[in-house]
N, C-alpha and C. Protein backbone atom coordinates (compact mmCIF):
# COMPACT_ATOMS: atom_id res chain seq x y z
N MET A 1 30.73 22.70 8.63
CA MET A 1 29.70 23.46 7.96
C MET A 1 28.49 22.55 7.77
N GLU A 2 27.35 23.01 8.19
CA GLU A 2 26.11 22.23 8.07
C GLU A 2 25.47 22.54 6.71
N PRO A 3 25.33 21.53 5.84
CA PRO A 3 24.75 21.79 4.52
C PRO A 3 23.24 22.01 4.58
N THR A 4 22.75 22.89 3.74
CA THR A 4 21.31 23.08 3.59
C THR A 4 20.75 21.96 2.73
N GLN A 5 19.44 21.81 2.72
CA GLN A 5 18.82 20.80 1.85
C GLN A 5 19.10 21.12 0.39
N GLU A 6 19.12 22.41 0.04
CA GLU A 6 19.42 22.81 -1.33
C GLU A 6 20.84 22.39 -1.72
N ALA A 7 21.79 22.56 -0.80
CA ALA A 7 23.18 22.15 -1.07
C ALA A 7 23.27 20.64 -1.24
N LEU A 8 22.56 19.90 -0.39
CA LEU A 8 22.57 18.43 -0.51
C LEU A 8 21.96 17.99 -1.83
N ASP A 9 20.87 18.65 -2.24
CA ASP A 9 20.25 18.31 -3.53
C ASP A 9 21.21 18.61 -4.68
N GLY A 10 22.02 19.65 -4.55
CA GLY A 10 22.97 20.03 -5.58
C GLY A 10 24.16 19.11 -5.69
N LEU A 11 24.28 18.15 -4.77
CA LEU A 11 25.35 17.16 -4.85
C LEU A 11 25.03 16.08 -5.88
N TRP A 12 23.76 15.94 -6.23
CA TRP A 12 23.25 14.98 -7.20
C TRP A 12 23.21 13.55 -6.69
N GLY A 13 24.01 13.20 -5.72
CA GLY A 13 24.05 11.83 -5.23
C GLY A 13 23.13 11.65 -4.05
N ASP A 14 22.86 10.42 -3.70
CA ASP A 14 22.04 10.11 -2.55
C ASP A 14 22.95 10.02 -1.33
N GLY A 15 23.17 11.14 -0.67
CA GLY A 15 24.00 11.17 0.51
C GLY A 15 25.45 11.53 0.26
N GLY A 16 25.81 11.84 -0.97
CA GLY A 16 27.19 12.22 -1.27
C GLY A 16 27.30 12.83 -2.65
N PRO A 17 28.45 13.39 -2.96
CA PRO A 17 28.63 14.03 -4.26
C PRO A 17 28.67 13.03 -5.42
N TYR A 18 28.08 13.42 -6.53
CA TYR A 18 28.06 12.61 -7.75
C TYR A 18 28.49 13.50 -8.90
N SER A 19 29.43 13.05 -9.69
CA SER A 19 29.89 13.76 -10.89
C SER A 19 30.28 12.69 -11.90
N GLN A 20 30.68 13.11 -13.10
CA GLN A 20 31.09 12.11 -14.08
C GLN A 20 32.18 12.65 -14.98
N VAL A 21 32.98 11.72 -15.52
CA VAL A 21 34.04 12.03 -16.48
C VAL A 21 33.74 11.23 -17.74
N GLN A 22 33.88 11.88 -18.89
CA GLN A 22 33.59 11.22 -20.16
C GLN A 22 34.78 11.33 -21.11
N VAL A 23 35.00 10.26 -21.87
CA VAL A 23 35.94 10.28 -22.99
C VAL A 23 35.08 10.26 -24.25
N ILE A 24 35.29 11.23 -25.12
CA ILE A 24 34.47 11.37 -26.32
C ILE A 24 35.36 11.25 -27.55
N ARG A 25 34.92 10.44 -28.49
CA ARG A 25 35.63 10.29 -29.76
C ARG A 25 34.79 10.97 -30.83
N GLU A 26 35.38 11.92 -31.52
CA GLU A 26 34.69 12.65 -32.58
C GLU A 26 35.36 12.31 -33.91
N VAL A 27 34.58 11.76 -34.81
CA VAL A 27 35.09 11.39 -36.13
C VAL A 27 34.52 12.36 -37.14
N ARG A 28 35.38 13.03 -37.88
CA ARG A 28 34.95 13.97 -38.92
C ARG A 28 35.08 13.29 -40.27
N ILE A 29 34.02 13.37 -41.03
CA ILE A 29 33.95 12.68 -42.32
C ILE A 29 33.77 13.72 -43.42
N LEU A 30 34.63 13.66 -44.39
CA LEU A 30 34.55 14.55 -45.54
C LEU A 30 34.30 13.69 -46.76
N ASP A 31 33.24 14.00 -47.47
CA ASP A 31 32.81 13.22 -48.61
C ASP A 31 32.59 11.77 -48.18
N GLU A 32 33.41 10.86 -48.63
CA GLU A 32 33.20 9.44 -48.32
C GLU A 32 34.35 8.84 -47.52
N ALA A 33 35.07 9.69 -46.78
CA ALA A 33 36.21 9.18 -46.02
C ALA A 33 36.35 9.93 -44.70
N VAL A 34 36.94 9.26 -43.74
CA VAL A 34 37.25 9.90 -42.46
C VAL A 34 38.38 10.89 -42.70
N SER A 35 38.16 12.13 -42.32
CA SER A 35 39.21 13.13 -42.53
C SER A 35 40.06 13.32 -41.27
N ARG A 36 39.42 13.30 -40.10
CA ARG A 36 40.18 13.47 -38.86
C ARG A 36 39.43 12.83 -37.70
N THR A 37 40.16 12.46 -36.67
CA THR A 37 39.57 11.92 -35.46
C THR A 37 40.11 12.72 -34.28
N PHE A 38 39.21 13.15 -33.41
CA PHE A 38 39.57 13.90 -32.21
C PHE A 38 39.10 13.12 -30.99
N HIS A 39 39.81 13.30 -29.89
CA HIS A 39 39.41 12.73 -28.61
C HIS A 39 39.34 13.86 -27.60
N TYR A 40 38.25 13.84 -26.81
CA TYR A 40 38.04 14.85 -25.78
C TYR A 40 37.77 14.17 -24.45
N VAL A 41 38.12 14.85 -23.37
CA VAL A 41 37.76 14.40 -22.04
C VAL A 41 37.11 15.59 -21.36
N LYS A 42 35.92 15.34 -20.80
CA LYS A 42 35.25 16.39 -20.06
C LYS A 42 34.61 15.78 -18.82
N ALA A 43 34.44 16.62 -17.84
CA ALA A 43 33.79 16.20 -16.61
C ALA A 43 32.59 17.10 -16.37
N ASN A 44 31.52 16.51 -15.86
CA ASN A 44 30.38 17.26 -15.37
C ASN A 44 30.40 17.13 -13.86
N VAL A 45 30.63 18.25 -13.18
CA VAL A 45 30.76 18.26 -11.72
C VAL A 45 29.53 18.95 -11.14
N ASN A 46 28.97 18.36 -10.11
CA ASN A 46 27.74 18.88 -9.53
C ASN A 46 27.94 20.30 -8.98
N PRO A 47 26.87 21.10 -8.98
CA PRO A 47 26.97 22.51 -8.58
C PRO A 47 27.44 22.73 -7.15
N THR A 48 27.04 21.87 -6.22
CA THR A 48 27.44 22.07 -4.83
C THR A 48 28.94 21.87 -4.65
N THR A 49 29.50 20.88 -5.34
CA THR A 49 30.95 20.68 -5.25
C THR A 49 31.68 21.93 -5.71
N HIS A 50 31.24 22.51 -6.82
CA HIS A 50 31.88 23.74 -7.31
C HIS A 50 31.76 24.85 -6.27
N ALA A 51 30.57 25.02 -5.69
CA ALA A 51 30.35 26.10 -4.71
C ALA A 51 31.23 25.93 -3.48
N VAL A 52 31.33 24.71 -2.98
CA VAL A 52 32.17 24.46 -1.79
C VAL A 52 33.64 24.72 -2.11
N LEU A 53 34.10 24.24 -3.26
CA LEU A 53 35.50 24.45 -3.63
C LEU A 53 35.79 25.93 -3.87
N GLN A 54 34.86 26.63 -4.50
CA GLN A 54 35.04 28.06 -4.76
C GLN A 54 35.16 28.82 -3.44
N ALA A 55 34.33 28.46 -2.47
CA ALA A 55 34.36 29.13 -1.16
C ALA A 55 35.68 28.86 -0.43
N ARG A 56 36.33 27.74 -0.71
CA ARG A 56 37.58 27.37 -0.04
C ARG A 56 38.79 27.48 -0.95
N ALA A 57 38.65 28.17 -2.08
CA ALA A 57 39.69 28.21 -3.12
C ALA A 57 41.06 28.62 -2.58
N ARG A 58 41.09 29.57 -1.67
CA ARG A 58 42.39 30.05 -1.14
C ARG A 58 43.10 28.99 -0.31
N GLU A 59 42.36 28.04 0.22
CA GLU A 59 42.95 26.97 1.04
C GLU A 59 43.42 25.79 0.19
N ILE A 60 42.95 25.70 -1.04
CA ILE A 60 43.21 24.53 -1.88
C ILE A 60 44.48 24.75 -2.70
N GLU A 61 45.43 23.85 -2.54
CA GLU A 61 46.70 23.95 -3.25
C GLU A 61 46.79 22.99 -4.43
N ASP A 62 45.85 22.09 -4.57
CA ASP A 62 45.83 21.09 -5.63
C ASP A 62 45.72 21.79 -6.99
N PRO A 63 46.74 21.65 -7.87
CA PRO A 63 46.71 22.37 -9.15
C PRO A 63 45.57 21.93 -10.07
N GLU A 64 45.17 20.67 -10.03
CA GLU A 64 44.06 20.24 -10.89
C GLU A 64 42.73 20.82 -10.41
N ILE A 65 42.55 20.91 -9.11
CA ILE A 65 41.32 21.51 -8.59
C ILE A 65 41.31 23.00 -8.90
N GLN A 66 42.45 23.64 -8.78
CA GLN A 66 42.53 25.07 -9.15
C GLN A 66 42.23 25.25 -10.63
N ASP A 67 42.71 24.34 -11.47
CA ASP A 67 42.42 24.40 -12.91
C ASP A 67 40.92 24.25 -13.14
N PHE A 68 40.29 23.34 -12.42
CA PHE A 68 38.84 23.18 -12.51
C PHE A 68 38.13 24.48 -12.15
N LEU A 69 38.52 25.10 -11.05
CA LEU A 69 37.86 26.33 -10.61
C LEU A 69 38.04 27.47 -11.62
N ARG A 70 39.19 27.51 -12.28
CA ARG A 70 39.44 28.56 -13.29
C ARG A 70 38.75 28.26 -14.61
N GLY A 71 38.65 26.98 -14.98
CA GLY A 71 38.24 26.66 -16.34
C GLY A 71 36.85 26.08 -16.52
N ALA A 72 36.19 25.66 -15.45
CA ALA A 72 34.88 25.03 -15.60
C ALA A 72 33.82 26.08 -15.96
N THR A 73 32.86 25.65 -16.75
CA THR A 73 31.78 26.51 -17.20
C THR A 73 30.46 25.96 -16.68
N PHE A 74 29.65 26.84 -16.09
CA PHE A 74 28.34 26.40 -15.61
C PHE A 74 27.43 26.16 -16.81
N ILE A 75 26.83 24.97 -16.86
CA ILE A 75 25.92 24.61 -17.95
C ILE A 75 24.47 24.76 -17.48
N SER A 76 24.12 24.06 -16.40
CA SER A 76 22.78 24.12 -15.83
C SER A 76 22.80 23.37 -14.49
N GLU A 77 21.71 23.47 -13.74
CA GLU A 77 21.62 22.73 -12.48
C GLU A 77 21.68 21.23 -12.74
N GLU A 78 21.13 20.79 -13.87
CA GLU A 78 21.10 19.37 -14.19
C GLU A 78 22.44 18.85 -14.70
N ASP A 79 23.19 19.68 -15.43
CA ASP A 79 24.47 19.26 -16.00
C ASP A 79 25.67 19.80 -15.23
N GLY A 80 25.44 20.69 -14.31
CA GLY A 80 26.50 21.22 -13.45
C GLY A 80 27.53 22.03 -14.19
N TYR A 81 28.76 21.88 -13.74
CA TYR A 81 29.89 22.60 -14.31
C TYR A 81 30.63 21.66 -15.25
N GLU A 82 30.84 22.12 -16.47
CA GLU A 82 31.57 21.31 -17.44
C GLU A 82 33.02 21.74 -17.43
N TRP A 83 33.89 20.76 -17.25
CA TRP A 83 35.34 20.99 -17.22
C TRP A 83 35.95 20.20 -18.36
N VAL A 84 36.41 20.90 -19.39
CA VAL A 84 37.05 20.25 -20.53
C VAL A 84 38.52 20.07 -20.17
N VAL A 85 38.92 18.82 -20.08
CA VAL A 85 40.25 18.47 -19.59
C VAL A 85 41.24 18.22 -20.72
N TYR A 86 40.74 17.75 -21.86
CA TYR A 86 41.61 17.27 -22.92
C TYR A 86 40.88 17.39 -24.24
N GLY A 87 41.60 17.73 -25.29
CA GLY A 87 41.04 17.73 -26.63
C GLY A 87 42.16 17.76 -27.65
N LYS A 88 42.31 16.67 -28.40
CA LYS A 88 43.39 16.58 -29.39
C LYS A 88 42.98 15.73 -30.57
N GLN A 89 43.57 16.06 -31.72
CA GLN A 89 43.41 15.21 -32.89
C GLN A 89 44.37 14.05 -32.71
N ALA A 90 43.83 12.83 -32.76
CA ALA A 90 44.66 11.64 -32.57
C ALA A 90 43.92 10.43 -33.10
N GLN A 91 44.65 9.46 -33.58
CA GLN A 91 44.04 8.23 -34.08
C GLN A 91 43.67 7.26 -32.96
N THR A 92 44.40 7.33 -31.84
CA THR A 92 44.11 6.43 -30.72
C THR A 92 43.70 7.26 -29.51
N PRO A 93 42.94 6.66 -28.60
CA PRO A 93 42.48 7.38 -27.42
C PRO A 93 43.46 7.34 -26.24
N ARG A 94 44.68 6.90 -26.49
CA ARG A 94 45.64 6.70 -25.39
C ARG A 94 45.78 7.94 -24.51
N GLY A 95 46.04 9.10 -25.10
CA GLY A 95 46.20 10.33 -24.32
C GLY A 95 44.92 10.72 -23.61
N ALA A 96 43.79 10.53 -24.29
CA ALA A 96 42.50 10.85 -23.68
C ALA A 96 42.21 9.93 -22.49
N ASN A 97 42.53 8.66 -22.64
CA ASN A 97 42.30 7.73 -21.54
C ASN A 97 43.13 8.10 -20.31
N GLN A 98 44.38 8.50 -20.53
CA GLN A 98 45.23 8.93 -19.43
C GLN A 98 44.66 10.19 -18.78
N ALA A 99 44.23 11.14 -19.61
CA ALA A 99 43.63 12.37 -19.09
C ALA A 99 42.36 12.07 -18.29
N ALA A 100 41.58 11.09 -18.74
CA ALA A 100 40.36 10.71 -18.03
C ALA A 100 40.69 10.12 -16.65
N GLU A 101 41.74 9.31 -16.58
CA GLU A 101 42.15 8.75 -15.28
C GLU A 101 42.56 9.88 -14.31
N GLU A 102 43.31 10.84 -14.83
CA GLU A 102 43.75 11.96 -14.00
C GLU A 102 42.57 12.83 -13.57
N ALA A 103 41.63 13.07 -14.49
CA ALA A 103 40.45 13.87 -14.15
C ALA A 103 39.59 13.14 -13.12
N THR A 104 39.46 11.83 -13.27
CA THR A 104 38.69 11.04 -12.31
C THR A 104 39.29 11.16 -10.92
N ALA A 105 40.60 11.03 -10.84
CA ALA A 105 41.28 11.16 -9.54
C ALA A 105 41.07 12.56 -8.96
N ALA A 106 41.10 13.58 -9.81
CA ALA A 106 40.88 14.96 -9.34
C ALA A 106 39.46 15.14 -8.82
N VAL A 107 38.48 14.59 -9.52
CA VAL A 107 37.08 14.71 -9.07
C VAL A 107 36.90 13.98 -7.75
N ILE A 108 37.53 12.84 -7.58
CA ILE A 108 37.45 12.13 -6.30
C ILE A 108 38.03 12.98 -5.18
N ARG A 109 39.15 13.66 -5.45
CA ARG A 109 39.72 14.55 -4.43
C ARG A 109 38.76 15.71 -4.13
N MET A 110 38.09 16.22 -5.16
CA MET A 110 37.10 17.29 -4.95
C MET A 110 35.98 16.78 -4.04
N HIS A 111 35.47 15.61 -4.34
CA HIS A 111 34.38 15.04 -3.54
C HIS A 111 34.82 14.83 -2.10
N ARG A 112 36.06 14.41 -1.90
CA ARG A 112 36.56 14.21 -0.54
C ARG A 112 36.54 15.52 0.24
N LEU A 113 36.95 16.61 -0.41
CA LEU A 113 36.93 17.93 0.25
C LEU A 113 35.50 18.34 0.61
N VAL A 114 34.56 18.05 -0.25
CA VAL A 114 33.16 18.39 0.02
C VAL A 114 32.63 17.56 1.18
N ARG A 115 32.92 16.27 1.18
CA ARG A 115 32.48 15.41 2.28
C ARG A 115 33.03 15.91 3.60
N GLU A 116 34.32 16.29 3.59
CA GLU A 116 34.94 16.81 4.82
C GLU A 116 34.28 18.12 5.23
N ALA A 117 34.03 19.02 4.30
CA ALA A 117 33.43 20.32 4.61
C ALA A 117 32.04 20.16 5.22
N PHE A 118 31.27 19.20 4.72
CA PHE A 118 29.91 18.99 5.20
C PHE A 118 29.81 17.97 6.33
N GLY A 119 30.93 17.30 6.64
CA GLY A 119 30.89 16.28 7.67
C GLY A 119 30.03 15.08 7.28
N LEU A 120 30.03 14.75 6.00
CA LEU A 120 29.23 13.62 5.52
C LEU A 120 29.89 12.31 5.89
N PRO A 121 29.10 11.26 6.09
CA PRO A 121 29.67 9.95 6.45
C PRO A 121 30.53 9.39 5.31
N ALA A 122 31.26 8.36 5.64
CA ALA A 122 32.15 7.71 4.67
C ALA A 122 31.36 7.28 3.45
N PRO A 123 32.00 7.32 2.29
CA PRO A 123 31.29 6.93 1.06
C PRO A 123 30.92 5.46 1.06
N ARG A 124 29.89 5.14 0.27
CA ARG A 124 29.47 3.75 0.09
C ARG A 124 30.55 2.98 -0.65
N GLN A 125 30.43 1.69 -0.63
CA GLN A 125 31.35 0.84 -1.38
C GLN A 125 31.14 1.04 -2.87
N GLN A 126 32.18 0.87 -3.63
CA GLN A 126 32.10 1.04 -5.08
C GLN A 126 30.99 0.17 -5.65
N GLY A 127 30.16 0.76 -6.51
CA GLY A 127 29.10 0.03 -7.17
C GLY A 127 27.79 0.01 -6.43
N GLU A 128 27.78 0.37 -5.16
CA GLU A 128 26.54 0.35 -4.40
C GLU A 128 25.65 1.50 -4.85
N ASP A 129 24.41 1.17 -5.21
CA ASP A 129 23.44 2.16 -5.67
C ASP A 129 23.95 2.96 -6.87
N ARG A 130 24.66 2.28 -7.73
CA ARG A 130 25.19 2.90 -8.94
C ARG A 130 24.90 1.98 -10.12
N PRO A 131 24.96 2.50 -11.34
CA PRO A 131 24.72 1.61 -12.48
C PRO A 131 25.70 0.44 -12.48
N GLY A 132 25.19 -0.73 -12.79
CA GLY A 132 26.04 -1.92 -12.86
C GLY A 132 26.81 -1.97 -14.17
N PRO A 133 27.69 -2.96 -14.32
CA PRO A 133 28.53 -3.04 -15.52
C PRO A 133 27.74 -3.24 -16.81
N ASP A 134 26.52 -3.80 -16.72
CA ASP A 134 25.72 -4.02 -17.90
C ASP A 134 24.73 -2.88 -18.15
N GLU A 135 24.71 -1.89 -17.27
CA GLU A 135 23.79 -0.77 -17.42
C GLU A 135 24.48 0.36 -18.17
N PRO A 136 23.69 1.10 -18.96
CA PRO A 136 24.30 2.25 -19.66
C PRO A 136 24.64 3.34 -18.67
N PRO A 137 25.62 4.19 -19.00
CA PRO A 137 25.93 5.30 -18.11
C PRO A 137 24.75 6.26 -18.07
N ARG A 138 24.60 6.94 -16.95
CA ARG A 138 23.52 7.91 -16.82
C ARG A 138 23.93 9.21 -17.50
N PRO A 139 23.00 9.84 -18.23
CA PRO A 139 23.33 11.15 -18.79
C PRO A 139 23.52 12.16 -17.66
N PRO A 140 24.23 13.27 -17.90
CA PRO A 140 24.52 14.22 -16.84
C PRO A 140 23.31 14.65 -16.03
N GLY A 141 22.16 14.90 -16.66
CA GLY A 141 21.00 15.38 -15.94
C GLY A 141 20.17 14.30 -15.28
N ASP A 142 20.53 13.02 -15.41
CA ASP A 142 19.73 11.93 -14.88
C ASP A 142 20.46 11.22 -13.76
N ARG A 143 19.98 11.42 -12.55
CA ARG A 143 20.56 10.73 -11.42
C ARG A 143 19.53 9.81 -10.78
N SER A 144 18.50 9.47 -11.54
CA SER A 144 17.41 8.65 -11.01
C SER A 144 17.75 7.17 -10.98
N GLY A 145 18.68 6.75 -11.83
CA GLY A 145 19.00 5.33 -11.92
C GLY A 145 18.10 4.59 -12.88
N ALA A 146 17.12 5.29 -13.46
CA ALA A 146 16.21 4.64 -14.41
C ALA A 146 16.95 4.35 -15.70
N ARG A 147 16.62 3.23 -16.30
CA ARG A 147 17.23 2.85 -17.57
C ARG A 147 16.49 3.56 -18.69
N PRO A 148 17.17 3.88 -19.79
CA PRO A 148 16.48 4.50 -20.92
C PRO A 148 15.38 3.62 -21.48
N ALA A 149 14.34 4.23 -22.02
CA ALA A 149 13.23 3.48 -22.59
C ALA A 149 13.74 2.58 -23.71
N GLY A 150 13.20 1.36 -23.77
CA GLY A 150 13.60 0.42 -24.81
C GLY A 150 14.93 -0.27 -24.54
N ASP A 151 15.50 -0.07 -23.35
CA ASP A 151 16.80 -0.67 -23.03
C ASP A 151 16.59 -1.86 -22.09
N ASP A 152 15.75 -2.78 -22.52
CA ASP A 152 15.45 -3.94 -21.69
C ASP A 152 16.59 -4.94 -21.75
N GLU A 153 16.71 -5.68 -20.65
CA GLU A 153 17.74 -6.71 -20.60
C GLU A 153 17.38 -7.82 -21.56
N GLU A 154 18.39 -8.44 -22.13
CA GLU A 154 18.16 -9.55 -23.04
C GLU A 154 17.75 -10.78 -22.25
N ALA A 155 16.87 -11.55 -22.85
CA ALA A 155 16.38 -12.76 -22.15
C ALA A 155 17.32 -13.92 -22.35
């Protein structure tokens, strides 16, 4: 399948699919004390990946990808499809971290299917043209690689 320029733009990445998985810790405070702590895992998947997977849904047997197709919610072109993978009240992030690893692996499998469908070249090496270990993560709508204002490197 030959991708249109619009489909390539919807991948968010420069020459390949880009998505993200987040682990979120929510602390609820009542009066002057922590009342509960929740951990969530969600993924923002680019719109083109969702469209390609939806078009091939009958061919896909992967249960996590099927769960994504059933449960993801379209947010916007900039934030893509939000897939909430995990949400529990817990003091430690152990379960959320495991869920994030599984979601990451599922998103990688999704990206592989998209690359195959479009006949895109092999992916770049890890870290190439991506934020480095000292750079903040990019927000869902920002794929420019620009650092946030006031986030200068220390001298």
